[in-house]
Protein backbone atom coordinates (compact mmCIF):
# COMPACT_ATOMS: atom_id res chain seq x y z
CA MET A 1 -16.12 -5.27 28.62
CA ALA A 2 -14.43 -2.28 27.01
CA LYS A 3 -15.99 0.68 25.21
CA ILE A 4 -14.23 1.00 21.87
CA GLY A 5 -14.49 3.40 18.95
CA TRP A 6 -13.72 2.06 15.47
CA ILE A 7 -13.20 4.16 12.34
CA GLY A 8 -12.88 2.48 8.93
CA LEU A 9 -14.87 -0.60 7.91
CA GLY A 10 -12.99 -1.84 4.86
CA ASN A 11 -11.71 -5.34 4.15
CA MET A 12 -9.67 -5.39 7.36
CA GLY A 13 -11.56 -3.03 9.64
CA ASN A 14 -14.94 -4.70 9.25
CA PRO A 15 -13.97 -8.21 10.44
CA MET A 16 -11.58 -6.92 13.10
CA SER A 17 -14.19 -4.64 14.69
CA GLY A 18 -16.63 -7.54 14.44
CA ASN A 19 -14.27 -9.75 16.41
CA LEU A 20 -14.11 -7.15 19.19
CA LEU A 21 -17.90 -7.05 19.20
CA LYS A 22 -18.18 -10.85 19.37
CA ALA A 23 -15.82 -10.83 22.35
CA GLY A 24 -18.41 -8.84 24.32
CA ASN A 25 -17.07 -5.31 23.91
CA GLU A 26 -19.24 -2.27 23.20
CA VAL A 27 -18.13 -1.00 19.80
CA PHE A 28 -19.01 2.38 18.28
CA VAL A 29 -18.37 2.43 14.53
CA TRP A 30 -18.01 5.10 11.87
CA ASN A 31 -17.31 4.78 8.15
CA ARG A 32 -17.64 7.21 5.25
CA THR A 33 -20.15 4.82 3.66
CA LYS A 34 -22.64 3.95 6.39
CA ALA A 35 -23.99 0.91 4.53
CA LYS A 36 -20.74 -0.93 5.30
CA ALA A 37 -21.71 -0.79 8.98
CA ASP A 38 -25.15 -2.35 8.53
CA GLU A 39 -24.09 -5.90 9.37
CA LEU A 40 -22.14 -4.78 12.44
CA ILE A 41 -25.02 -2.62 13.67
CA ALA A 42 -27.36 -5.59 13.27
CA ALA A 43 -24.93 -7.58 15.42
CA GLY A 44 -24.95 -4.96 18.18
CA ALA A 45 -22.48 -2.24 17.21
CA VAL A 46 -23.51 1.39 17.74
CA TRP A 47 -23.30 3.90 14.89
CA ALA A 48 -21.30 7.07 15.59
CA ASP A 49 -22.40 10.11 13.61
CA SER A 50 -18.86 11.39 13.02
CA PRO A 51 -15.22 10.47 13.61
CA LYS A 52 -15.31 12.89 16.54
CA ASP A 53 -18.20 10.95 18.10
CA ALA A 54 -16.43 7.63 17.56
CA ALA A 55 -13.37 8.95 19.38
CA ALA A 56 -15.42 10.32 22.26
CA ALA A 57 -17.36 7.08 22.73
CA GLY A 58 -14.67 5.05 24.47
CA ASP A 59 -11.23 5.00 26.03
CA VAL A 60 -9.69 3.25 23.01
CA LEU A 61 -10.10 4.22 19.36
CA PHE A 62 -9.07 1.96 16.48
CA VAL A 63 -8.54 3.53 13.06
CA SER A 64 -8.22 1.47 9.86
CA LEU A 65 -8.07 3.50 6.62
CA ALA A 66 -6.64 3.15 3.13
CA ASP A 67 -3.89 5.78 3.08
CA GLY A 68 -2.34 8.85 4.66
CA PRO A 69 -4.48 11.53 2.97
CA THR A 70 -7.64 9.68 3.97
CA LEU A 71 -6.34 9.30 7.52
CA HIS A 72 -5.63 13.01 7.82
CA SER A 73 -9.01 13.98 6.35
CA VAL A 74 -10.72 11.89 9.02
CA ALA A 75 -8.39 12.95 11.83
CA PHE A 76 -8.49 16.73 11.52
CA GLY A 77 -11.24 19.34 11.38
CA ASP A 78 -14.19 20.12 13.64
CA ASP A 79 -15.63 16.60 13.23
CA GLY A 80 -12.28 14.80 13.05
CA PHE A 81 -11.39 12.16 15.59
CA VAL A 82 -8.61 14.27 17.14
CA ALA A 83 -11.27 16.77 18.23
CA GLY A 84 -13.12 14.02 20.08
CA LEU A 85 -10.18 12.67 22.06
CA ALA A 86 -10.26 12.84 25.83
CA GLU A 87 -7.10 13.10 27.89
CA GLY A 88 -5.68 9.63 28.44
CA ALA A 89 -7.39 8.09 25.41
CA ILE A 90 -5.42 5.57 23.32
CA ILE A 91 -5.52 5.54 19.52
CA VAL A 92 -4.55 2.32 17.75
CA GLU A 93 -3.94 3.27 14.11
CA THR A 94 -3.60 0.31 11.75
CA SER A 95 -3.21 1.97 8.33
CA THR A 96 -0.08 1.90 6.19
CA VAL A 97 1.08 5.52 5.94
CA SER A 98 4.34 7.45 5.66
CA VAL A 99 6.59 8.28 8.58
CA GLU A 100 5.90 11.99 8.02
CA GLU A 101 2.11 11.57 8.00
CA SER A 102 2.30 9.45 11.12
CA ALA A 103 4.53 11.92 12.98
CA LYS A 104 2.19 14.85 12.21
CA LEU A 105 -0.77 12.93 13.59
CA ASN A 106 1.22 11.95 16.67
CA ASP A 107 1.92 15.61 17.47
CA ALA A 108 -1.80 16.44 17.32
CA ILE A 109 -2.76 13.46 19.49
CA VAL A 110 -0.10 14.16 22.12
CA ALA A 111 -1.28 17.78 22.28
CA LYS A 112 -4.67 16.43 23.39
CA GLY A 113 -3.06 14.43 26.19
CA ALA A 114 -3.77 11.13 24.43
CA LYS A 115 -1.50 8.26 23.38
CA TYR A 116 -0.81 7.17 19.79
CA LEU A 117 0.06 3.60 18.82
CA ARG A 118 1.23 2.99 15.26
CA SER A 119 -0.08 -0.52 14.62
CA PRO A 120 0.04 -1.43 10.91
CA LEU A 121 -1.22 -4.86 9.94
CA THR A 122 0.45 -7.76 8.17
CA GLY A 123 -1.60 -10.45 6.50
CA SER A 124 -4.73 -10.89 4.45
CA THR A 125 -8.45 -10.40 4.98
CA ILE A 126 -8.67 -14.14 5.71
CA LEU A 127 -6.46 -13.63 8.76
CA ALA A 128 -8.45 -10.56 9.80
CA VAL A 129 -11.64 -12.64 9.79
CA ALA A 130 -9.91 -15.39 11.79
CA GLY A 131 -8.52 -12.91 14.33
CA THR A 132 -4.94 -13.92 13.57
CA VAL A 133 -3.67 -10.98 11.52
CA GLY A 134 -0.16 -9.78 12.41
CA ILE A 135 0.13 -6.41 14.17
CA LEU A 136 3.34 -4.40 14.40
CA THR A 137 3.20 -1.69 17.06
CA SER A 138 5.38 1.21 18.13
CA GLY A 139 4.58 4.07 20.48
CA ASP A 140 4.01 4.47 24.20
CA ARG A 141 4.78 1.16 25.92
CA ASP A 142 2.34 1.63 28.79
CA ALA A 143 -0.46 2.32 26.30
CA TYR A 144 0.51 -0.82 24.39
CA ASP A 145 0.33 -2.93 27.54
CA LYS A 146 -3.14 -1.53 28.31
CA VAL A 147 -4.60 -2.39 24.90
CA LEU A 148 -2.77 -5.71 24.53
CA PRO A 149 -5.84 -7.75 25.58
CA LEU A 150 -7.79 -6.09 22.73
CA LEU A 151 -4.98 -6.67 20.25
CA GLU A 152 -4.96 -10.34 21.22
CA ILE A 153 -8.63 -10.57 20.19
CA VAL A 154 -8.03 -9.21 16.68
CA GLY A 155 -4.47 -10.38 16.03
CA GLY A 156 -2.24 -13.42 16.21
CA ASN A 157 1.39 -12.38 15.74
CA LEU A 158 1.84 -9.27 17.90
CA PHE A 159 5.11 -7.35 18.02
CA TYR A 160 6.11 -4.23 19.97
CA VAL A 161 9.09 -2.71 18.13
CA GLY A 162 9.84 0.67 19.72
CA GLY A 163 8.66 3.99 21.07
CA GLY A 164 8.47 6.00 17.85
CA GLU A 165 7.79 5.38 14.15
CA GLN A 166 9.55 2.01 13.94
CA ALA A 167 6.37 0.08 13.12
CA ARG A 168 5.76 2.29 10.07
CA VAL A 169 9.19 1.54 8.63
CA LEU A 170 8.98 -2.17 9.41
CA LYS A 171 5.59 -2.48 7.68
CA LEU A 172 6.97 -0.80 4.55
CA ALA A 173 10.01 -3.10 4.68
CA LEU A 174 7.75 -6.16 4.78
CA ASN A 175 5.60 -4.91 1.92
CA LEU A 176 8.53 -4.19 -0.35
CA MET A 177 9.69 -7.77 0.23
CA ILE A 178 6.18 -9.08 -0.48
CA ALA A 179 5.96 -7.13 -3.72
CA THR A 180 9.42 -8.01 -5.00
CA THR A 181 8.81 -11.67 -4.15
CA MET A 182 5.81 -11.66 -6.49
CA GLN A 183 7.91 -10.09 -9.24
CA MET A 184 10.48 -12.86 -8.82
CA GLU A 185 7.75 -15.50 -8.85
CA ALA A 186 6.29 -14.00 -12.02
CA GLU A 187 9.64 -14.42 -13.77
CA ALA A 188 10.05 -17.96 -12.43
CA VAL A 189 6.53 -19.08 -13.37
CA VAL A 190 6.71 -17.68 -16.90
CA ALA A 191 10.07 -19.38 -17.42
CA CYS A 192 8.46 -22.66 -16.35
CA GLU A 193 5.51 -22.09 -18.69
CA LYS A 194 7.86 -21.50 -21.61
CA ALA A 195 9.50 -24.84 -20.80
CA GLY A 196 6.12 -26.61 -20.88
CA ILE A 197 5.51 -26.94 -17.14
CA ASP A 198 1.94 -26.59 -15.86
CA VAL A 199 1.41 -23.35 -13.93
CA ALA A 200 -0.43 -25.01 -11.04
CA GLN A 201 2.39 -27.52 -10.65
CA ALA A 202 5.03 -24.81 -10.86
CA THR A 203 3.39 -22.66 -8.16
CA GLU A 204 2.89 -25.70 -5.91
CA ILE A 205 6.54 -26.69 -6.21
CA ILE A 206 7.73 -23.11 -5.64
CA ALA A 207 5.58 -22.78 -2.51
CA GLY A 208 6.97 -26.01 -1.06
CA SER A 209 10.61 -25.39 -1.95
CA ALA A 210 13.47 -23.75 -0.11
CA VAL A 211 12.55 -20.40 -1.69
CA GLY A 212 8.87 -20.82 -0.85
CA SER A 213 7.07 -18.86 1.86
CA PRO A 214 3.55 -18.48 3.27
CA LEU A 215 3.09 -15.73 0.66
CA CYS A 216 3.90 -18.10 -2.20
CA GLY A 217 1.38 -20.54 -0.76
CA TYR A 218 -1.33 -17.88 -0.45
CA LYS A 219 -0.84 -16.72 -4.03
CA ALA A 220 -0.44 -20.14 -5.69
CA LYS A 221 -4.15 -20.57 -6.45
CA LEU A 222 -4.53 -17.00 -7.70
CA ILE A 223 -1.64 -17.37 -10.12
CA ALA A 224 -2.66 -20.85 -11.25
CA GLY A 225 -6.28 -19.78 -11.73
CA GLY A 226 -5.37 -16.55 -13.48
CA GLU A 227 -8.28 -14.61 -11.94
CA TYR A 228 -6.45 -12.36 -9.43
CA GLY A 229 -9.28 -11.33 -7.11
CA PRO A 230 -8.21 -8.35 -5.00
CA ALA A 231 -6.78 -9.71 -1.76
CA PHE A 232 -4.20 -6.87 -1.95
CA SER A 233 -4.77 -4.56 -4.88
CA VAL A 234 -2.23 -3.28 -7.37
CA LYS A 235 -3.28 0.27 -6.44
CA LEU A 236 -2.55 -0.19 -2.75
CA MET A 237 0.76 -1.93 -3.37
CA ILE A 238 1.93 0.89 -5.63
CA LYS A 239 1.05 3.31 -2.83
CA ASP A 240 3.05 1.27 -0.30
CA LEU A 241 6.08 0.95 -2.57
CA LYS A 242 6.12 4.70 -3.10
CA LEU A 243 6.16 5.11 0.68
CA ALA A 244 8.95 2.54 0.98
CA LEU A 245 11.02 4.32 -1.67
CA ALA A 246 10.48 7.64 0.14
CA ALA A 247 11.74 6.03 3.35
CA GLY A 248 14.72 4.65 1.46
CA GLU A 249 15.53 8.12 0.15
CA GLN A 250 15.18 9.54 3.68
CA TYR A 251 17.67 6.98 5.03
CA GLY A 252 20.01 7.06 2.02
CA ILE A 253 19.27 3.48 0.87
CA LYS A 254 19.23 2.28 -2.75
CA MET A 255 16.13 0.17 -3.42
CA GLU A 256 16.55 -0.89 -7.04
CA SER A 257 14.41 -4.04 -6.92
CA THR A 258 11.64 -2.07 -5.20
CA GLU A 259 11.77 0.60 -7.91
CA LEU A 260 11.62 -2.05 -10.64
CA THR A 261 8.62 -3.77 -9.05
CA LYS A 262 6.80 -0.46 -8.63
CA LYS A 263 7.26 0.24 -12.35
CA ARG A 264 5.93 -3.21 -13.22
CA LEU A 265 2.86 -2.64 -11.08
CA GLU A 266 2.33 0.74 -12.70
CA LEU A 267 2.27 -1.02 -16.07
CA ALA A 268 -0.38 -3.37 -14.67
CA ALA A 269 -2.40 -0.36 -13.50
CA GLU A 270 -2.16 1.19 -16.98
CA LYS A 271 -3.82 -1.97 -18.32
CA GLY A 272 -6.80 -1.35 -16.05
CA TRP A 273 -5.75 -3.88 -13.42
CA GLU A 274 -5.26 -1.53 -10.47
CA GLY A 275 -8.14 -3.22 -8.61
CA LYS A 276 -6.72 -6.72 -9.14
CA ASP A 277 -4.41 -8.54 -6.74
CA PHE A 278 -0.79 -7.47 -7.14
CA SER A 279 0.21 -11.05 -7.99
CA ILE A 280 -1.15 -10.20 -11.44
CA LEU A 281 2.50 -9.40 -12.17
CA THR A 282 2.58 -12.96 -13.56
CA LYS A 283 -0.16 -12.21 -16.09
CA LEU A 284 1.63 -9.02 -17.11
CA LEU A 285 4.80 -10.95 -17.92
CA GLU A 286 2.83 -13.73 -19.60
CA GLU A 287 1.25 -11.28 -22.03
CA GLU A 288 4.60 -9.65 -22.73
CA SER A 289 6.05 -13.12 -23.39
CA GLY A 290 3.31 -14.20 -25.80
CA ILE A 291 1.49 -16.50 -23.37
CA SER A 292 -2.29 -16.43 -23.17
CA ARG A 293 -4.21 -18.40 -20.53
């Protein structure tokens, strides 16, 4: 049994920390809204009064937050988790943040004699609940090998990709492909609708075709149903595409399809849809094309 700190109990952090708890580990949890920890505490988790306390509670600290500014606000300061780190501690940070934000945090963690693993996630909340979410990791290899048994509890597809910030860049690369795929599907589906093809049939055929993917399968029901519950919100995808474009600028890469998709998502946000799933790109194009479902 391991003693583990966990910070961030959102859509991914809550089920993942729960899976560690179910596996017999002692888990100390902290979240800005304590009510989100109630179910975990009832199941045996221990509440930590601050991020600092969560970090000091165990040898391994998992962090799962929405964005870079939130991560830094929780990391630094007298009650931040960096202040609670003991020498030799390992931090597994699963958020999607910029290379620059990640590197700054790494410097602070290394100064404490601790190890920092960048471990962004790939996949949906469904996979997080099932314990099969993908995890991309870069950082100290020995630290990775030590926490691998814990990663195997919360994740399915596990990849170690390098000793620095490689996992950050790879996660952004995956997300720009996910987003642009949904823009392409929006155009394809609306073309089918204009030709008189049923949306549910079109999305089913797309998902099972040569251009289909697990993503197209996941989103088929959302698009066909037209409800767009927030599996991955427009707001978060815009944030990730901005980070991807910043990385592209850093490396001197033109990302024209990424820029286009970001602008389309920003139009969706202007319509009040920033909390909806980003596959709502189809509804945006439907409305612009005179289709109402």
